[in-house]
Amino acid sequence: MEGKPNRSNAAIGNKTSFSKKTSKRVWDSIAAYTVQCERCSKWRFIPTKEKYEEIRERLAEQPFFCETAREWRSDLSCNDEPDVIQDGNWRWAIDKPSIPQPPPGWQRILRIRAKGGTKFADVYYVTPSSKRLRSMTEVQSYLIEHPEYPCLTASQFSFQIPSPLEENYVRKRHARSITLHGDTTMRVNPTSWVVPDQSRDLHLGGVGNSTSHVEDPAQS
């Protein structure tokens, strides 16, 4: 993207084949996490999901710069080549900034759906006891039933999903007519996660201004 990145967007790349599961951790269908430098617009890999979630939560107030990555790459600067570019080898999406980090001991899982469906991804939370919660209603019920978490509130959870950068990844539903009050008819065309217009202007010469999950077509 020319000029400064849009800090309200976060790029995410996904991987169709899921990582190997273990008895202690549930895995996302994500191959890599990236964030775009506010200054040079180059995309930088983020080493862990936890660090990515930390950056994403604060992104609106604390923009990401290449120098930020010196926490894990001591000599990195805007003069270095981008870590990744949009060349068709990855599947990109726009993530949401300001999503809170999951509470300690909890996991926030993102599962990317196959192309052509009516929804891009599913989000759910895994509790410390390995129970999966798939909606805010389930989260609220769980917190009521488990008073051992007195400090947790619904505001610490988010089921927002990223938007695919690839056009037509999500199938649009057919328009349908709704009849209101007799003969009055309104046409509606609900869709799932239409790509934001500004995403088409992104200059992806590296990793972007939010986080990103990437998909390896060779394994799809």
C-alpha atoms as a PDB file:
ATOM      1  CA  MET A   1       0.000   0.000   0.000  1.00  0.00           C
ATOM      2  CA  GLU A   2       1.270   3.460  -0.806  1.00  0.00           C
ATOM      3  CA  GLY A   3       1.887   5.622   2.244  1.00  0.00           C
ATOM      4  CA  LYS A   4       0.983   4.545   5.736  1.00  0.00           C
ATOM      5  CA  PRO A   5      -0.917   1.282   6.231  1.00  0.00           C
ATOM      6  CA  ASN A   6      -4.501   1.286   7.431  1.00  0.00           C
ATOM      7  CA  ARG A   7      -4.098   0.419  11.082  1.00  0.00           C
ATOM      8  CA  SER A   8      -7.659  -0.854  11.271  1.00  0.00           C
ATOM      9  CA  ASN A   9      -6.685  -3.835   9.136  1.00  0.00           C
ATOM     10  CA  ALA A  10      -4.531  -6.815   9.959  1.00  0.00           C
ATOM     11  CA  ALA A  11      -3.377  -9.306   7.375  1.00  0.00           C
ATOM     12  CA  ILE A  12      -3.754 -12.973   8.144  1.00  0.00           C
ATOM     13  CA  GLY A  13      -2.623 -15.989   6.207  1.00  0.00           C
ATOM     14  CA  ASN A  14      -4.054 -19.447   6.610  1.00  0.00           C
ATOM     15  CA  LYS A  15      -3.045 -23.023   5.951  1.00  0.00           C
ATOM     16  CA  THR A  16      -5.570 -25.580   4.760  1.00  0.00           C
ATOM     17  CA  SER A  17      -3.830 -28.562   6.307  1.00  0.00           C
ATOM     18  CA  PHE A  18      -3.961 -28.386  10.089  1.00  0.00           C
ATOM     19  CA  SER A  19      -0.878 -28.695  12.236  1.00  0.00           C
ATOM     20  CA  LYS A  20      -0.315 -31.896  14.156  1.00  0.00           C
ATOM     21  CA  LYS A  21      -2.312 -31.952  17.381  1.00  0.00           C
ATOM     22  CA  THR A  22      -0.947 -32.759  20.787  1.00  0.00           C
ATOM     23  CA  SER A  23      -2.677 -33.662  24.017  1.00  0.00           C
ATOM     24  CA  LYS A  24      -1.886 -30.246  25.499  1.00  0.00           C
ATOM     25  CA  ARG A  25      -2.639 -27.826  22.690  1.00  0.00           C
ATOM     26  CA  VAL A  26      -5.263 -27.251  20.031  1.00  0.00           C
ATOM     27  CA  TRP A  27      -3.923 -25.757  16.809  1.00  0.00           C
ATOM     28  CA  ASP A  28      -5.220 -23.115  14.437  1.00  0.00           C
ATOM     29  CA  SER A  29      -5.263 -23.690  10.688  1.00  0.00           C
ATOM     30  CA  ILE A  30      -2.604 -20.994  10.427  1.00  0.00           C
ATOM     31  CA  ALA A  31       0.834 -21.292   8.874  1.00  0.00           C
ATOM     32  CA  ALA A  32       2.311 -17.908   9.817  1.00  0.00           C
ATOM     33  CA  TYR A  33       1.548 -14.630  11.572  1.00  0.00           C
ATOM     34  CA  THR A  34       2.621 -11.297  10.099  1.00  0.00           C
ATOM     35  CA  VAL A  35       2.359  -7.587  10.886  1.00  0.00           C
ATOM     36  CA  GLN A  36       2.960  -4.623   8.583  1.00  0.00           C
ATOM     37  CA  CYS A  37       5.349  -1.835   9.459  1.00  0.00           C
ATOM     38  CA  GLU A  38       3.605   1.512   9.900  1.00  0.00           C
ATOM     39  CA  ARG A  39       6.548   3.319   8.297  1.00  0.00           C
ATOM     40  CA  CYS A  40       7.719   1.225   5.340  1.00  0.00           C
ATOM     41  CA  SER A  41       4.665  -1.044   4.826  1.00  0.00           C
ATOM     42  CA  LYS A  42       6.863  -4.156   4.735  1.00  0.00           C
ATOM     43  CA  TRP A  43       5.411  -7.326   6.248  1.00  0.00           C
ATOM     44  CA  ARG A  44       7.296  -8.932   9.141  1.00  0.00           C
ATOM     45  CA  PHE A  45       6.834 -12.437  10.476  1.00  0.00           C
ATOM     46  CA  ILE A  46       5.826 -12.670  14.121  1.00  0.00           C
ATOM     47  CA  PRO A  47       7.560 -15.608  15.833  1.00  0.00           C
ATOM     48  CA  THR A  48       4.675 -16.878  17.976  1.00  0.00           C
ATOM     49  CA  LYS A  49       0.919 -16.723  18.111  1.00  0.00           C
ATOM     50  CA  GLU A  50       1.121 -15.272  21.620  1.00  0.00           C
ATOM     51  CA  LYS A  51       3.283 -12.366  20.462  1.00  0.00           C
ATOM     52  CA  TYR A  52       0.969 -11.819  17.500  1.00  0.00           C
ATOM     53  CA  GLU A  53      -2.051 -11.625  19.808  1.00  0.00           C
ATOM     54  CA  GLU A  54      -0.227  -9.163  22.034  1.00  0.00           C
ATOM     55  CA  ILE A  55       0.611  -6.898  19.079  1.00  0.00           C
ATOM     56  CA  ARG A  56      -2.884  -7.173  17.584  1.00  0.00           C
ATOM     57  CA  GLU A  57      -4.548  -6.174  20.852  1.00  0.00           C
ATOM     58  CA  ARG A  58      -2.500  -2.954  21.081  1.00  0.00           C
ATOM     59  CA  LEU A  59      -2.130  -2.165  17.383  1.00  0.00           C
ATOM     60  CA  ALA A  60      -4.539   0.784  17.294  1.00  0.00           C
ATOM     61  CA  GLU A  61      -2.672   2.544  20.114  1.00  0.00           C
ATOM     62  CA  GLN A  62       0.823   1.185  19.471  1.00  0.00           C
ATOM     63  CA  PRO A  63       1.600   0.984  15.729  1.00  0.00           C
ATOM     64  CA  PHE A  64       4.047  -1.680  14.642  1.00  0.00           C
ATOM     65  CA  PHE A  65       7.450  -0.693  13.224  1.00  0.00           C
ATOM     66  CA  CYS A  66      10.310  -2.826  11.962  1.00  0.00           C
ATOM     67  CA  GLU A  67      12.259  -1.777  15.048  1.00  0.00           C
ATOM     68  CA  THR A  68       9.550  -3.387  17.173  1.00  0.00           C
ATOM     69  CA  ALA A  69      10.694  -6.744  15.816  1.00  0.00           C
ATOM     70  CA  ARG A  70      14.143  -6.223  17.297  1.00  0.00           C
ATOM     71  CA  GLU A  71      12.754  -8.002  20.319  1.00  0.00           C
ATOM     72  CA  TRP A  72      13.390 -11.205  18.362  1.00  0.00           C
ATOM     73  CA  ARG A  73      15.563  -9.900  15.450  1.00  0.00           C
ATOM     74  CA  SER A  74      18.132  -7.554  16.930  1.00  0.00           C
ATOM     75  CA  ASP A  75      19.379  -5.962  13.695  1.00  0.00           C
ATOM     76  CA  LEU A  76      16.101  -5.563  11.758  1.00  0.00           C
ATOM     77  CA  SER A  77      15.247  -2.212  10.145  1.00  0.00           C
ATOM     78  CA  CYS A  78      13.114  -0.789   7.345  1.00  0.00           C
ATOM     79  CA  ASN A  79      16.142  -1.138   5.047  1.00  0.00           C
ATOM     80  CA  ASP A  80      15.853  -4.934   5.140  1.00  0.00           C
ATOM     81  CA  GLU A  81      13.879  -6.860   2.550  1.00  0.00           C
ATOM     82  CA  PRO A  82      10.298  -7.792   3.477  1.00  0.00           C
ATOM     83  CA  ASP A  83       9.811 -11.165   5.139  1.00  0.00           C
ATOM     84  CA  VAL A  84       7.047 -12.159   2.734  1.00  0.00           C
ATOM     85  CA  ILE A  85       5.263 -10.756  -0.306  1.00  0.00           C
ATOM     86  CA  GLN A  86       1.898 -11.469  -1.853  1.00  0.00           C
ATOM     87  CA  ASP A  87       2.931 -13.750  -4.697  1.00  0.00           C
ATOM     88  CA  GLY A  88       0.222 -16.386  -4.767  1.00  0.00           C
ATOM     89  CA  ASN A  89       2.039 -18.787  -2.473  1.00  0.00           C
ATOM     90  CA  TRP A  90       0.049 -17.684   0.543  1.00  0.00           C
ATOM     91  CA  ARG A  91      -3.606 -17.090   1.228  1.00  0.00           C
ATOM     92  CA  TRP A  92      -4.081 -13.701   2.869  1.00  0.00           C
ATOM     93  CA  ALA A  93      -6.880 -12.167   4.898  1.00  0.00           C
ATOM     94  CA  ILE A  94      -7.575  -9.003   6.858  1.00  0.00           C
ATOM     95  CA  ASP A  95      -7.625  -9.530  10.607  1.00  0.00           C
ATOM     96  CA  LYS A  96      -9.246  -7.276  13.209  1.00  0.00           C
ATOM     97  CA  PRO A  97      -7.100  -5.108  15.490  1.00  0.00           C
ATOM     98  CA  SER A  98      -7.848  -4.617  19.183  1.00  0.00           C
ATOM     99  CA  ILE A  99      -9.057  -8.173  19.734  1.00  0.00           C
ATOM    100  CA  PRO A 100      -8.132  -8.914  23.368  1.00  0.00           C
ATOM    101  CA  GLN A 101      -5.569 -11.565  24.164  1.00  0.00           C
ATOM    102  CA  PRO A 102      -7.187 -14.720  25.557  1.00  0.00           C
ATOM    103  CA  PRO A 103      -7.064 -15.010  29.350  1.00  0.00           C
ATOM    104  CA  PRO A 104      -4.108 -16.951  30.818  1.00  0.00           C
ATOM    105  CA  GLY A 105      -4.589 -20.663  30.263  1.00  0.00           C
ATOM    106  CA  TRP A 106      -7.181 -20.136  27.511  1.00  0.00           C
ATOM    107  CA  GLN A 107      -6.730 -20.447  23.752  1.00  0.00           C
ATOM    108  CA  ARG A 108      -8.448 -18.559  20.926  1.00  0.00           C
ATOM    109  CA  ILE A 109      -8.622 -20.860  17.904  1.00  0.00           C
ATOM    110  CA  LEU A 110      -9.230 -19.866  14.287  1.00  0.00           C
ATOM    111  CA  ARG A 111     -10.249 -22.496  11.749  1.00  0.00           C
ATOM    112  CA  ILE A 112     -10.200 -21.398   8.106  1.00  0.00           C
ATOM    113  CA  ARG A 113     -12.944 -22.961   5.995  1.00  0.00           C
ATOM    114  CA  ALA A 114     -12.495 -24.268   2.459  1.00  0.00           C
ATOM    115  CA  LYS A 115     -13.023 -21.885  -0.438  1.00  0.00           C
ATOM    116  CA  GLY A 116     -16.541 -21.594  -1.792  1.00  0.00           C
ATOM    117  CA  GLY A 117     -18.442 -21.782   1.482  1.00  0.00           C
ATOM    118  CA  THR A 118     -20.684 -19.130   2.976  1.00  0.00           C
ATOM    119  CA  LYS A 119     -18.315 -18.340   5.842  1.00  0.00           C
ATOM    120  CA  PHE A 120     -14.566 -17.736   5.842  1.00  0.00           C
ATOM    121  CA  ALA A 121     -13.631 -19.073   9.257  1.00  0.00           C
ATOM    122  CA  ASP A 122     -14.797 -20.225  12.671  1.00  0.00           C
ATOM    123  CA  VAL A 123     -13.552 -18.904  16.008  1.00  0.00           C
ATOM    124  CA  TYR A 124     -13.813 -20.691  19.333  1.00  0.00           C
ATOM    125  CA  TYR A 125     -12.167 -20.606  22.727  1.00  0.00           C
ATOM    126  CA  VAL A 126     -10.643 -23.541  24.568  1.00  0.00           C
ATOM    127  CA  THR A 127     -10.831 -23.344  28.360  1.00  0.00           C
ATOM    128  CA  PRO A 128      -8.030 -24.533  30.673  1.00  0.00           C
ATOM    129  CA  SER A 129     -10.053 -27.738  31.096  1.00  0.00           C
ATOM    130  CA  SER A 130     -10.128 -28.220  27.272  1.00  0.00           C
ATOM    131  CA  LYS A 131     -13.807 -27.361  26.834  1.00  0.00           C
ATOM    132  CA  ARG A 132     -14.595 -25.611  23.550  1.00  0.00           C
ATOM    133  CA  LEU A 133     -16.818 -22.534  23.581  1.00  0.00           C
ATOM    134  CA  ARG A 134     -18.162 -21.506  20.178  1.00  0.00           C
ATOM    135  CA  SER A 135     -20.200 -18.380  20.917  1.00  0.00           C
ATOM    136  CA  MET A 136     -20.445 -15.478  23.328  1.00  0.00           C
ATOM    137  CA  THR A 137     -23.545 -17.101  24.808  1.00  0.00           C
ATOM    138  CA  GLU A 138     -21.530 -20.215  25.637  1.00  0.00           C
ATOM    139  CA  VAL A 139     -18.772 -18.081  27.146  1.00  0.00           C
ATOM    140  CA  GLN A 140     -21.204 -16.216  29.373  1.00  0.00           C
ATOM    141  CA  SER A 141     -22.875 -19.444  30.498  1.00  0.00           C
ATOM    142  CA  TYR A 142     -19.496 -21.033  31.228  1.00  0.00           C
ATOM    143  CA  LEU A 143     -18.368 -18.075  33.357  1.00  0.00           C
ATOM    144  CA  ILE A 144     -21.613 -18.192  35.338  1.00  0.00           C
ATOM    145  CA  GLU A 145     -21.197 -21.924  35.930  1.00  0.00           C
ATOM    146  CA  HIS A 146     -17.529 -21.579  36.931  1.00  0.00           C
ATOM    147  CA  PRO A 147     -17.115 -19.028  39.736  1.00  0.00           C
ATOM    148  CA  GLU A 148     -13.416 -19.939  39.908  1.00  0.00           C
ATOM    149  CA  TYR A 149     -12.957 -17.273  37.193  1.00  0.00           C
ATOM    150  CA  PRO A 150     -14.302 -14.207  39.052  1.00  0.00           C
ATOM    151  CA  CYS A 151     -12.068 -11.763  37.178  1.00  0.00           C
ATOM    152  CA  LEU A 152     -13.115 -12.810  33.658  1.00  0.00           C
ATOM    153  CA  THR A 153     -15.790 -10.908  31.742  1.00  0.00           C
ATOM    154  CA  ALA A 154     -17.329 -11.262  28.292  1.00  0.00           C
ATOM    155  CA  SER A 155     -15.360  -8.202  27.136  1.00  0.00           C
ATOM    156  CA  GLN A 156     -12.186 -10.328  27.205  1.00  0.00           C
ATOM    157  CA  PHE A 157     -13.520 -12.532  24.404  1.00  0.00           C
ATOM    158  CA  SER A 158     -14.151 -11.841  20.724  1.00  0.00           C
ATOM    159  CA  PHE A 159     -15.607 -14.018  17.972  1.00  0.00           C
ATOM    160  CA  GLN A 160     -14.750 -11.621  15.156  1.00  0.00           C
ATOM    161  CA  ILE A 161     -13.243 -13.439  12.198  1.00  0.00           C
ATOM    162  CA  PRO A 162     -10.817 -12.067   9.580  1.00  0.00           C
ATOM    163  CA  SER A 163     -11.911 -11.209   6.043  1.00  0.00           C
ATOM    164  CA  PRO A 164     -10.338 -13.029   3.072  1.00  0.00           C
ATOM    165  CA  LEU A 165      -8.187 -10.854   0.853  1.00  0.00           C
ATOM    166  CA  GLU A 166      -8.926 -13.137  -2.097  1.00  0.00           C
ATOM    167  CA  GLU A 167     -12.005 -12.072  -4.018  1.00  0.00           C
ATOM    168  CA  ASN A 168     -14.861 -14.581  -4.142  1.00  0.00           C
ATOM    169  CA  TYR A 169     -13.269 -16.834  -1.523  1.00  0.00           C
ATOM    170  CA  VAL A 170     -16.598 -16.779   0.276  1.00  0.00           C
ATOM    171  CA  ARG A 171     -19.679 -17.616  -1.753  1.00  0.00           C
ATOM    172  CA  LYS A 172     -22.329 -14.932  -1.717  1.00  0.00           C
ATOM    173  CA  ARG A 173     -25.780 -16.027  -0.792  1.00  0.00           C
ATOM    174  CA  HIS A 174     -28.607 -15.517  -3.264  1.00  0.00           C
ATOM    175  CA  ALA A 175     -30.666 -12.388  -2.866  1.00  0.00           C
ATOM    176  CA  ARG A 176     -34.065 -13.033  -1.404  1.00  0.00           C
ATOM    177  CA  SER A 177     -37.231 -11.032  -0.999  1.00  0.00           C
ATOM    178  CA  ILE A 178     -38.741 -10.180   2.350  1.00  0.00           C
ATOM    179  CA  THR A 179     -42.360  -9.045   2.429  1.00  0.00           C
ATOM    180  CA  LEU A 180     -43.082  -6.380   4.994  1.00  0.00           C
ATOM    181  CA  HIS A 181     -46.566  -5.290   5.974  1.00  0.00           C
ATOM    182  CA  GLY A 182     -48.579  -6.612   3.097  1.00  0.00           C
ATOM    183  CA  ASP A 183     -47.324  -5.744  -0.381  1.00  0.00           C
ATOM    184  CA  THR A 184     -44.160  -3.889   0.594  1.00  0.00           C
ATOM    185  CA  THR A 185     -41.152  -5.940  -0.575  1.00  0.00           C
ATOM    186  CA  MET A 186     -37.487  -5.339   0.251  1.00  0.00           C
ATOM    187  CA  ARG A 187     -34.578  -7.008  -1.535  1.00  0.00           C
ATOM    188  CA  VAL A 188     -31.701  -8.174   0.665  1.00  0.00           C
ATOM    189  CA  ASN A 189     -28.454  -9.846  -0.260  1.00  0.00           C
ATOM    190  CA  PRO A 190     -26.637 -11.063   2.853  1.00  0.00           C
ATOM    191  CA  THR A 191     -22.991 -11.948   2.357  1.00  0.00           C
ATOM    192  CA  SER A 192     -20.243 -13.292   4.577  1.00  0.00           C
ATOM    193  CA  TRP A 193     -17.024 -11.301   4.968  1.00  0.00           C
ATOM    194  CA  VAL A 194     -16.785  -9.320   1.766  1.00  0.00           C
ATOM    195  CA  VAL A 195     -13.212  -8.113   1.220  1.00  0.00           C
ATOM    196  CA  PRO A 196     -12.839  -4.404   2.188  1.00  0.00           C
ATOM    197  CA  ASP A 197     -12.294  -2.113  -0.805  1.00  0.00           C
ATOM    198  CA  GLN A 198      -9.066  -0.714   0.627  1.00  0.00           C
ATOM    199  CA  SER A 199      -7.504  -4.184   0.634  1.00  0.00           C
ATOM    200  CA  ARG A 200      -7.235  -4.059  -3.151  1.00  0.00           C
ATOM    201  CA  ASP A 201      -4.863  -1.127  -2.844  1.00  0.00           C
ATOM    202  CA  LEU A 202      -2.519  -2.866  -0.409  1.00  0.00           C
ATOM    203  CA  HIS A 203       1.092  -2.814  -1.510  1.00  0.00           C
ATOM    204  CA  LEU A 204       2.143  -6.143  -0.033  1.00  0.00           C
ATOM    205  CA  GLY A 205       5.868  -6.071  -0.398  1.00  0.00           C
ATOM    206  CA  GLY A 206       6.392  -7.650   2.969  1.00  0.00           C
ATOM    207  CA  VAL A 207       4.214  -8.576   5.930  1.00  0.00           C
ATOM    208  CA  GLY A 208       1.425  -6.232   6.829  1.00  0.00           C
ATOM    209  CA  ASN A 209       0.036  -3.769   9.223  1.00  0.00           C
ATOM    210  CA  SER A 210      -1.737  -6.338  11.274  1.00  0.00           C
ATOM    211  CA  THR A 211      -1.383  -9.968  11.810  1.00  0.00           C
ATOM    212  CA  SER A 212      -1.564 -12.549   9.138  1.00  0.00           C
ATOM    213  CA  HIS A 213      -2.130 -16.226   8.653  1.00  0.00           C
ATOM    214  CA  VAL A 214      -0.942 -17.789   5.440  1.00  0.00           C
ATOM    215  CA  GLU A 215      -1.939 -20.772   3.392  1.00  0.00           C
ATOM    216  CA  ASP A 216       0.474 -22.977   1.504  1.00  0.00           C
ATOM    217  CA  PRO A 217      -1.266 -24.034  -1.736  1.00  0.00           C
ATOM    218  CA  ALA A 218       1.066 -26.977  -2.098  1.00  0.00           C
ATOM    219  CA  GLN A 219      -0.646 -28.587   0.879  1.00  0.00           C
ATOM    220  CA  SER A 220      -4.193 -27.633  -0.031  1.00  0.00           C
END
